[in-house]
């Protein structure tokens, strides 16, 4: 059976390319005249902050329907390929009906054009179900969620400060906040327990809800006190949604310690279950609570680079608006976003369609996991499933060995739990929307193939 080729556009392949230096083309003759100048320690540290699991996969031959049908399928990058046709059609429609005006070739407000902020405010109000409509003046539009996060934390913290966050957590936070802002992460430490009556706690959502005692212990650890509590909801990598009572307790505890609370809600519109509660409403009235969002996941538009900060704290917004001068979104992209999000009828239909597509993918992956005897964490949001592959460990094999075996023998590149500070070996994040429909069927078939390979007994496909 032939599958259409899928252009590989992923973070992994970007970082896995051989490092090169343009000066090396004629380095011999060049060094006879002078020596190569060194990069800064900060520049070298940039590469040290990259997720190790991507570097471990160096030399992997990736899937291509025509040239490499047995190649590895990339299911570790959280992109939504389910909605591409709908987004592409809408983008083309908006562009056909848009007029590029003379003022758009000049500088705009550093924090976003008025029309873009207004449409983003309406969209966030809808998906985050805020008590009242988000005020566009409380928004800053920046070039993606990571840029918005960095600017926010630059305003909240000084170099060397530590950020408190529950583990496991999104693998790239260390890069996003450490690369230029110079911040460090202070994770919670927790012992996982198994309840003989209820079964393994690690496959129950409530096990992962942050506990005040764990946060307090982490807060007291070290000489400096953390300035910010960083949360993700819906959670990445777990895909769970934290209940209102849990979030309210976390906010009360953190603010009582004099800390800001930042909630990364980039998956707010990708809910395929029930129970999502956003802190956006709290952010509109509590100056110590801030929400970040982007269109990368819910609209499958990671290439547009559009993120947003929601905050009611003018002392925070003022420096972030200025910092955003370094990562503004182009006027043409903002016009496009205004046209897409401003079409209420289209947005309502799109959100319903996206929810159905994501839910169906989730249900099919769960079905296959049950067939293959793979345990997993039931979840309500996000684009991924948290797999328990501990039975596949054996014979002294560590998680890294299993990770590489899954790549080489089963053609699946998933995110290992260790890279997300999961303290128990054997957990992996599988992004079930990372590939197109044809490739998704291959992912399911390869998952089924895991049934016959357990406890370190490698078998080829």
Protein backbone atom coordinates (compact mmCIF):
# COMPACT_ATOMS: atom_id res chain seq x y z
CA UNK A 1 0.00 0.00 0.00
CA UNK A 2 1.34 3.41 -0.99
CA UNK A 3 1.23 6.37 1.38
CA UNK A 4 1.65 10.02 0.36
CA UNK A 5 4.98 11.45 1.39
CA UNK A 6 4.92 13.75 4.39
CA UNK A 7 7.39 16.64 4.51
CA UNK A 8 9.24 16.26 7.79
CA UNK A 9 8.91 19.59 9.56
CA UNK A 10 9.86 18.93 13.14
CA UNK A 11 11.97 20.24 15.94
CA UNK A 12 13.83 16.96 16.15
CA UNK A 13 15.09 16.95 12.57
CA UNK A 14 15.99 20.61 12.88
CA UNK A 15 18.26 19.94 15.84
CA UNK A 16 19.51 16.59 14.56
CA UNK A 17 21.13 18.09 11.49
CA UNK A 18 24.94 17.93 11.63
CA UNK A 19 26.37 21.06 13.18
CA UNK A 20 28.44 23.00 10.71
CA UNK A 21 30.53 26.13 10.66
CA UNK A 22 30.60 28.25 7.50
CA UNK A 23 34.24 29.04 8.24
CA UNK A 24 35.16 25.37 7.91
CA UNK A 25 34.87 25.53 4.12
CA UNK A 26 38.35 27.02 3.92
CA UNK A 27 39.53 26.69 7.47
CA UNK A 28 43.05 25.53 6.60
CA UNK A 29 43.97 28.60 4.59
CA UNK A 30 42.03 30.88 6.91
CA UNK A 31 43.89 29.80 10.03
CA UNK A 32 47.24 30.59 8.42
CA UNK A 33 46.30 34.27 8.70
CA UNK A 34 44.47 34.29 12.01
CA UNK A 35 42.74 32.05 14.52
CA UNK A 36 39.03 31.35 14.73
CA UNK A 37 37.26 33.49 17.31
CA UNK A 38 35.41 31.59 20.02
CA UNK A 39 31.72 31.83 20.77
CA UNK A 40 30.61 32.92 24.23
CA UNK A 41 29.98 30.55 27.11
CA UNK A 42 26.34 31.54 26.79
CA UNK A 43 26.40 30.53 23.14
CA UNK A 44 27.85 27.13 23.99
CA UNK A 45 25.29 26.65 26.73
CA UNK A 46 22.46 27.04 24.22
CA UNK A 47 23.25 23.60 22.81
CA UNK A 48 23.53 22.13 26.30
CA UNK A 49 19.94 23.15 26.98
CA UNK A 50 18.54 21.14 24.07
CA UNK A 51 16.60 18.00 25.08
CA UNK A 52 19.05 15.11 25.28
CA UNK A 53 16.62 12.62 23.76
CA UNK A 54 16.74 14.47 20.44
CA UNK A 55 20.53 14.27 20.38
CA UNK A 56 20.40 10.58 21.31
CA UNK A 57 18.36 9.96 18.15
CA UNK A 58 21.08 11.29 15.87
CA UNK A 59 21.36 9.49 12.54
CA UNK A 60 17.78 8.21 12.57
CA UNK A 61 16.30 7.58 9.14
CA UNK A 62 12.82 9.06 9.16
CA UNK A 63 9.73 7.81 7.38
CA UNK A 64 8.99 8.70 3.78
CA UNK A 65 6.30 6.78 1.92
CA UNK A 66 8.37 6.57 -1.27
CA UNK A 67 12.00 6.55 -0.22
CA UNK A 68 11.91 5.20 3.34
CA UNK A 69 8.67 3.31 4.13
CA UNK A 70 10.34 1.52 7.04
CA UNK A 71 11.74 4.75 8.46
CA UNK A 72 10.96 6.13 11.89
CA UNK A 73 7.73 8.07 12.43
CA UNK A 74 8.05 11.27 14.43
CA UNK A 75 5.40 11.27 17.18
CA UNK A 76 7.22 13.37 19.75
CA UNK A 77 6.52 16.88 18.44
CA UNK A 78 3.16 18.31 19.52
CA UNK A 79 1.69 19.51 16.24
CA UNK A 80 -1.89 19.10 15.05
CA UNK A 81 -1.93 17.68 11.52
CA UNK A 82 -5.62 16.74 11.72
CA UNK A 83 -6.85 20.22 10.86
CA UNK A 84 -4.42 21.27 8.13
CA UNK A 85 -6.98 21.27 5.26
CA UNK A 86 -9.41 23.45 7.23
CA UNK A 87 -6.75 25.95 8.27
CA UNK A 88 -5.17 26.17 4.81
CA UNK A 89 -8.55 26.80 3.18
CA UNK A 90 -9.41 29.50 5.70
CA UNK A 91 -6.02 31.20 5.40
CA UNK A 92 -6.38 31.34 1.63
CA UNK A 93 -9.93 32.65 1.95
CA UNK A 94 -8.88 35.42 4.36
CA UNK A 95 -5.95 36.40 2.18
CA UNK A 96 -8.13 36.61 -0.93
CA UNK A 97 -10.52 38.95 0.85
CA UNK A 98 -7.95 41.09 2.67
CA UNK A 99 -6.52 44.41 1.57
CA UNK A 100 -2.94 45.28 2.44
CA UNK A 101 -3.11 48.92 3.50
CA UNK A 102 -0.21 51.42 3.36
CA UNK A 103 0.03 51.74 7.15
CA UNK A 104 0.82 48.02 7.44
CA UNK A 105 4.31 48.49 6.00
CA UNK A 106 5.27 50.62 9.00
CA UNK A 107 5.83 49.97 12.70
CA UNK A 108 2.81 48.83 14.70
CA UNK A 109 2.12 48.76 18.43
CA UNK A 110 4.75 46.53 20.00
CA UNK A 111 2.07 44.61 21.89
CA UNK A 112 -0.17 43.89 18.89
CA UNK A 113 -2.48 45.62 16.44
CA UNK A 114 -5.88 46.54 17.86
CA UNK A 115 -7.90 44.30 15.53
CA UNK A 116 -5.70 41.27 16.24
CA UNK A 117 -5.91 41.78 20.01
CA UNK A 118 -9.68 42.19 19.83
CA UNK A 119 -10.17 38.98 17.85
CA UNK A 120 -7.73 37.10 20.11
CA UNK A 121 -9.57 38.39 23.18
CA UNK A 122 -12.87 37.09 21.85
CA UNK A 123 -11.36 33.72 20.95
CA UNK A 124 -9.69 33.25 24.33
CA UNK A 125 -12.91 34.26 26.09
CA UNK A 126 -14.68 31.45 24.22
CA UNK A 127 -12.25 28.58 24.67
CA UNK A 128 -11.35 29.54 28.25
CA UNK A 129 -14.97 30.24 29.21
CA UNK A 130 -14.18 33.44 31.09
CA UNK A 131 -16.90 35.03 33.26
CA UNK A 132 -16.66 38.19 31.15
CA UNK A 133 -14.98 38.97 27.84
CA UNK A 134 -11.22 39.36 27.98
CA UNK A 135 -10.11 42.99 27.69
CA UNK A 136 -7.87 43.42 24.60
CA UNK A 137 -5.83 45.98 26.58
CA UNK A 138 -4.79 43.15 28.91
CA UNK A 139 -3.23 41.21 26.02
CA UNK A 140 0.24 41.25 24.49
CA UNK A 141 0.57 39.48 21.12
CA UNK A 142 4.03 37.97 20.51
CA UNK A 143 5.80 35.57 18.17
CA UNK A 144 4.70 32.30 19.74
CA UNK A 145 4.17 30.97 23.23
CA UNK A 146 7.87 30.52 24.00
CA UNK A 147 8.65 34.17 23.13
CA UNK A 148 5.72 35.37 25.24
CA UNK A 149 6.81 33.17 28.14
CA UNK A 150 10.39 34.41 27.94
CA UNK A 151 9.33 38.06 27.90
CA UNK A 152 6.97 37.52 30.82
CA UNK A 153 9.63 35.81 32.91
CA UNK A 154 12.18 38.48 31.98
CA UNK A 155 9.76 40.95 33.57
CA UNK A 156 9.09 38.80 36.65
CA UNK A 157 12.57 37.46 37.43
CA UNK A 158 16.27 38.25 37.41
CA UNK A 159 19.05 36.03 35.99
CA UNK A 160 19.75 33.15 38.34
CA UNK A 161 16.26 33.14 39.85
CA UNK A 162 14.43 29.84 40.09
CA UNK A 163 10.98 28.87 38.84
CA UNK A 164 8.89 26.41 40.83
CA UNK A 165 6.96 23.85 38.83
CA UNK A 166 5.41 20.42 39.43
CA UNK A 167 6.94 17.43 37.68
CA UNK A 168 6.64 15.98 35.14
CA UNK A 169 6.67 19.05 32.92
CA UNK A 170 7.12 20.22 29.31
CA UNK A 171 10.66 19.29 28.26
CA UNK A 172 11.56 22.60 26.61
CA UNK A 173 10.78 24.89 29.55
CA UNK A 174 14.45 24.67 30.56
CA UNK A 175 15.47 25.96 27.11
CA UNK A 176 12.75 28.61 26.81
CA UNK A 177 13.48 30.10 30.23
CA UNK A 178 17.17 29.32 30.61
CA UNK A 179 18.59 30.13 27.20
CA UNK A 180 18.52 33.94 27.38
CA UNK A 181 16.66 34.81 30.58
CA UNK A 182 19.14 32.76 32.62
CA UNK A 183 16.50 31.19 34.86
CA UNK A 184 16.59 27.80 36.54
CA UNK A 185 13.83 25.30 37.21
CA UNK A 186 13.10 23.95 40.68
CA UNK A 187 10.99 20.82 40.35
CA UNK A 188 8.85 19.17 42.98
CA UNK A 189 10.08 15.85 44.32
CA UNK A 190 7.51 13.20 45.04
CA UNK A 191 7.43 9.49 45.76
CA UNK A 192 4.81 7.63 43.73
CA UNK A 193 2.83 5.07 45.70
CA UNK A 194 0.78 2.08 44.58
CA UNK A 195 -2.62 1.53 46.22
CA UNK A 196 -3.31 -2.22 46.26
CA UNK A 197 -7.07 -1.62 46.17
CA UNK A 198 -7.13 1.01 43.43
CA UNK A 199 -4.19 -0.25 41.41
CA UNK A 200 -1.16 1.56 40.06
CA UNK A 201 -1.35 5.24 40.95
CA UNK A 202 0.75 6.25 37.96
CA UNK A 203 -2.11 5.62 35.56
CA UNK A 204 -4.62 7.75 37.52
CA UNK A 205 -4.97 11.47 36.83
CA UNK A 206 -5.44 12.47 40.47
CA UNK A 207 -1.99 11.11 41.31
CA UNK A 208 -0.41 13.92 39.34
CA UNK A 209 -2.36 16.83 40.81
CA UNK A 210 0.23 19.09 42.50
CA UNK A 211 0.21 18.69 46.26
CA UNK A 212 0.79 21.69 48.53
CA UNK A 213 3.18 19.73 50.75
CA UNK A 214 5.36 18.86 47.74
CA UNK A 215 5.37 22.48 46.57
CA UNK A 216 6.17 23.69 50.09
CA UNK A 217 9.08 21.27 50.35
CA UNK A 218 10.46 22.40 47.00
CA UNK A 219 9.88 26.05 47.92
CA UNK A 220 11.97 25.69 51.07
CA UNK A 221 14.74 23.84 49.24
CA UNK A 222 17.73 25.99 48.33
CA UNK A 223 18.97 29.38 49.44
CA UNK A 224 16.79 31.54 47.17
CA UNK A 225 13.01 31.47 47.17
CA UNK A 226 11.30 30.90 43.80
CA UNK A 227 9.44 33.94 42.45
CA UNK A 228 6.98 32.16 40.16
CA UNK A 229 4.84 29.02 40.19
CA UNK A 230 4.56 27.73 36.61
CA UNK A 231 1.61 25.49 35.69
CA UNK A 232 0.40 23.89 32.46
CA UNK A 233 -3.30 23.22 32.06
CA UNK A 234 -4.30 21.14 30.15
CA UNK A 235 -1.13 19.45 31.27
CA UNK A 236 1.81 18.71 29.03
CA UNK A 237 2.89 15.87 28.89
CA UNK A 238 0.04 14.19 30.81
CA UNK A 239 -2.99 15.57 28.97
CA UNK A 240 -4.99 15.90 32.17
CA UNK A 241 -7.04 18.92 33.27
CA UNK A 242 -6.68 20.07 36.86
CA UNK A 243 -9.95 20.63 38.76
CA UNK A 244 -10.99 24.11 39.88
CA UNK A 245 -10.50 23.30 43.56
CA UNK A 246 -6.92 22.18 42.91
CA UNK A 247 -6.07 25.29 40.90
CA UNK A 248 -7.70 27.60 43.43
CA UNK A 249 -5.64 26.00 46.19
CA UNK A 250 -2.42 26.39 44.22
CA UNK A 251 -3.11 30.06 43.50
CA UNK A 252 -3.95 30.77 47.14
CA UNK A 253 -0.78 29.05 48.35
CA UNK A 254 1.54 30.70 45.80
CA UNK A 255 0.15 34.22 46.17
CA UNK A 256 0.35 33.79 49.94
CA UNK A 257 4.08 33.20 49.47
CA UNK A 258 4.41 36.39 47.43
CA UNK A 259 4.81 34.47 44.17
CA UNK A 260 3.33 35.09 40.75
CA UNK A 261 1.36 32.25 39.12
CA UNK A 262 1.79 31.65 35.38
CA UNK A 263 -0.60 29.23 33.68
CA UNK A 264 0.40 27.92 30.25
CA UNK A 265 -2.93 27.07 28.59
CA UNK A 266 -1.79 26.51 25.01
CA UNK A 267 -4.10 23.45 24.69
CA UNK A 268 -7.22 25.24 26.00
CA UNK A 269 -9.10 24.64 22.72
CA UNK A 270 -8.06 20.99 22.35
CA UNK A 271 -10.32 19.43 24.96
CA UNK A 272 -11.69 15.99 24.06
CA UNK A 273 -13.08 15.18 27.50
CA UNK A 274 -14.64 17.17 30.32
CA UNK A 275 -13.51 19.22 33.28
CA UNK A 276 -11.25 21.96 31.89
CA UNK A 277 -11.09 25.02 34.11
CA UNK A 278 -9.03 28.01 33.00
CA UNK A 279 -7.27 30.57 35.16
CA UNK A 280 -7.99 33.23 32.53
CA UNK A 281 -10.89 34.62 34.54
CA UNK A 282 -8.61 34.88 37.58
CA UNK A 283 -5.94 36.60 35.49
CA UNK A 284 -8.36 39.35 34.46
CA UNK A 285 -8.78 40.44 38.09
CA UNK A 286 -5.83 39.06 40.09
CA UNK A 287 -2.60 40.99 39.36
CA UNK A 288 -0.48 38.02 40.47
CA UNK A 289 -1.96 35.52 37.99
CA UNK A 290 -1.00 35.48 34.30
CA UNK A 291 -2.06 33.22 31.41
CA UNK A 292 -0.11 32.49 28.23
CA UNK A 293 -1.61 31.06 25.07
CA UNK A 294 -0.81 30.52 21.37
CA UNK A 295 -2.48 29.33 18.17
CA UNK A 296 0.15 26.64 17.53
CA UNK A 297 -1.83 23.68 18.90
CA UNK A 298 -5.56 24.41 18.73
CA UNK A 299 -5.35 25.79 15.19
CA UNK A 300 -2.47 23.56 14.12
CA UNK A 301 -0.65 26.76 13.18
CA UNK A 302 2.77 26.46 14.81
CA UNK A 303 4.33 28.12 11.76
CA UNK A 304 2.35 31.35 12.11
CA UNK A 305 4.12 32.15 15.40
CA UNK A 306 1.29 33.86 17.26
CA UNK A 307 1.13 33.82 21.06
CA UNK A 308 -0.57 35.93 23.71
CA UNK A 309 -0.10 37.02 27.31
CA UNK A 310 -3.16 37.82 29.42
CA UNK A 311 -2.49 39.87 32.56
CA UNK A 312 -4.27 42.58 34.55
CA UNK A 313 -1.03 43.78 36.14
CA UNK A 314 0.06 47.02 34.46
CA UNK A 315 3.47 46.85 36.18
CA UNK A 316 4.02 43.54 34.39
CA UNK A 317 2.43 44.51 31.07
CA UNK A 318 4.55 47.66 30.67
CA UNK A 319 7.97 45.92 30.46
CA UNK A 320 6.54 42.98 28.51
CA UNK A 321 5.16 45.36 25.88
CA UNK A 322 8.62 46.87 25.46
CA UNK A 323 10.40 43.52 25.45
CA UNK A 324 7.96 42.39 22.78
CA UNK A 325 9.66 44.84 20.42
CA UNK A 326 12.16 42.01 19.84
CA UNK A 327 9.56 39.43 18.84
CA UNK A 328 6.59 41.19 17.29
CA UNK A 329 4.25 39.40 14.93
CA UNK A 330 4.25 40.82 11.40
CA UNK A 331 1.37 43.06 10.38
CA UNK A 332 0.31 40.64 7.63
CA UNK A 333 0.11 37.73 10.07
CA UNK A 334 -1.85 39.82 12.56
CA UNK A 335 -4.28 40.79 9.80
CA UNK A 336 -4.65 37.11 8.96
CA UNK A 337 -5.32 36.19 12.59
CA UNK A 338 -7.90 38.95 12.87
CA UNK A 339 -9.70 37.61 9.81
CA UNK A 340 -9.67 34.01 11.05
CA UNK A 341 -10.60 34.53 14.69
CA UNK A 342 -12.99 37.33 13.87
CA UNK A 343 -15.18 35.01 11.80
CA UNK A 344 -17.36 33.76 14.67
CA UNK A 345 -19.33 31.30 12.57
CA UNK A 346 -16.22 29.71 11.09
CA UNK A 347 -14.46 29.54 14.48
CA UNK A 348 -17.44 27.84 16.13
CA UNK A 349 -17.55 25.21 13.39
CA UNK A 350 -13.80 24.75 13.41
CA UNK A 351 -13.60 24.20 17.17
CA UNK A 352 -16.33 21.58 16.96
CA UNK A 353 -14.57 19.85 14.05
CA UNK A 354 -11.18 19.95 15.75
CA UNK A 355 -12.59 18.54 18.97
CA UNK A 356 -14.16 15.66 17.06
CA UNK A 357 -10.99 14.86 15.12
CA UNK A 358 -8.78 14.96 18.21
CA UNK A 359 -11.23 12.87 20.21
CA UNK A 360 -11.40 10.24 17.45
CA UNK A 361 -7.61 9.99 17.27
CA UNK A 362 -7.44 9.66 21.04
CA UNK A 363 -10.08 6.92 21.06
CA UNK A 364 -8.32 4.95 18.33
CA UNK A 365 -4.94 5.09 20.06
CA UNK A 366 -6.58 3.94 23.30
CA UNK A 367 -8.22 1.03 21.45
CA UNK A 368 -4.87 -0.10 20.07
CA UNK A 369 -3.17 0.29 23.45
CA UNK A 370 -5.76 -2.04 24.96
CA UNK A 371 -5.16 -4.55 22.15
CA UNK A 372 -1.40 -4.42 22.73
CA UNK A 373 -1.63 -4.57 26.52
CA UNK A 374 -0.23 -1.06 26.97
CA UNK A 375 -1.34 0.86 30.06
CA UNK A 376 -1.94 4.59 29.71
CA UNK A 377 -3.17 7.63 31.59
CA UNK A 378 -6.72 8.60 30.70
CA UNK A 379 -6.78 12.27 29.76
CA UNK A 380 -9.15 15.07 28.78
CA UNK A 381 -7.05 17.49 26.75
CA UNK A 382 -3.99 18.01 24.61
CA UNK A 383 -2.76 16.13 21.56
CA UNK A 384 -0.97 13.23 23.25
CA UNK A 385 -1.24 10.12 25.38
CA UNK A 386 0.99 9.24 28.35
CA UNK A 387 2.03 5.60 27.86
CA UNK A 388 3.22 3.25 30.59
CA UNK A 389 5.85 1.05 28.94
CA UNK A 390 7.48 -0.18 32.15
CA UNK A 391 6.73 -3.83 31.28
CA UNK A 392 8.98 -3.35 28.23
CA UNK A 393 11.96 -2.66 30.50
CA UNK A 394 13.98 -5.68 31.50
CA UNK A 395 17.37 -7.25 31.88
CA UNK A 396 18.87 -4.11 33.37
CA UNK A 397 17.66 -2.06 30.43
CA UNK A 398 17.14 1.63 31.16
CA UNK A 399 14.67 4.05 29.65
CA UNK A 400 17.20 5.35 27.14
CA UNK A 401 17.80 1.81 25.86
CA UNK A 402 14.07 1.27 25.47
CA UNK A 403 13.71 4.65 23.75
CA UNK A 404 16.34 3.72 21.16
CA UNK A 405 14.88 0.25 20.74
CA UNK A 406 11.45 1.73 20.00
CA UNK A 407 13.07 3.85 17.31
CA UNK A 408 15.20 1.15 15.69
CA UNK A 409 12.91 -1.85 15.97
CA UNK A 410 9.45 -0.29 15.89
CA UNK A 411 10.00 2.97 14.05
CA UNK A 412 8.41 5.21 16.69
CA UNK A 413 10.14 8.29 18.07
CA UNK A 414 8.27 9.26 21.24
CA UNK A 415 9.25 11.61 24.05
CA UNK A 416 10.79 9.69 26.97
CA UNK A 417 9.50 10.60 30.42
CA UNK A 418 12.99 11.24 31.76
CA UNK A 419 13.29 14.29 29.50
CA UNK A 420 10.17 15.69 31.19
CA UNK A 421 11.43 15.01 34.71
CA UNK A 422 9.32 11.91 35.25
CA UNK A 423 11.10 10.16 38.12
CA UNK A 424 9.85 6.67 37.20
CA UNK A 425 11.45 5.00 34.16
CA UNK A 426 9.32 3.62 31.35
CA UNK A 427 6.82 6.40 30.55
CA UNK A 428 6.56 7.96 27.10
CA UNK A 429 4.49 10.72 25.49
CA UNK A 430 2.95 9.82 22.13
CA UNK A 431 1.55 12.71 20.07
CA UNK A 432 -1.35 11.17 18.16
CA UNK A 433 -1.90 14.24 15.96
CA UNK A 434 1.73 14.61 14.85
CA UNK A 435 1.20 12.91 11.47
CA UNK A 436 -1.33 12.86 8.66
CA UNK A 437 -4.11 10.29 8.32
CA UNK A 438 -2.16 7.75 6.29
CA UNK A 439 0.86 7.88 8.58
CA UNK A 440 -1.42 7.65 11.63
CA UNK A 441 -2.58 4.21 10.48
CA UNK A 442 1.07 3.12 10.37
CA UNK A 443 1.62 4.47 13.88
CA UNK A 444 -1.28 2.34 15.12
CA UNK A 445 0.08 -0.75 13.40
CA UNK A 446 3.51 -0.23 14.91
CA UNK A 447 1.98 0.22 18.35
CA UNK A 448 0.23 -3.12 17.94
CA UNK A 449 3.64 -4.62 17.22
CA UNK A 450 4.83 -3.82 20.73
CA UNK A 451 2.71 -6.65 22.12
CA UNK A 452 5.29 -9.26 21.15
CA UNK A 453 8.33 -7.42 22.50
CA UNK A 454 8.52 -7.19 26.27
CA UNK A 455 11.14 -7.06 29.01
CA UNK A 456 14.09 -6.18 26.85
CA UNK A 457 13.51 -8.88 24.26
CA UNK A 458 14.24 -6.92 21.07
CA UNK A 459 12.60 -8.05 17.85
CA UNK A 460 12.85 -6.47 14.43
CA UNK A 461 9.78 -5.29 12.61
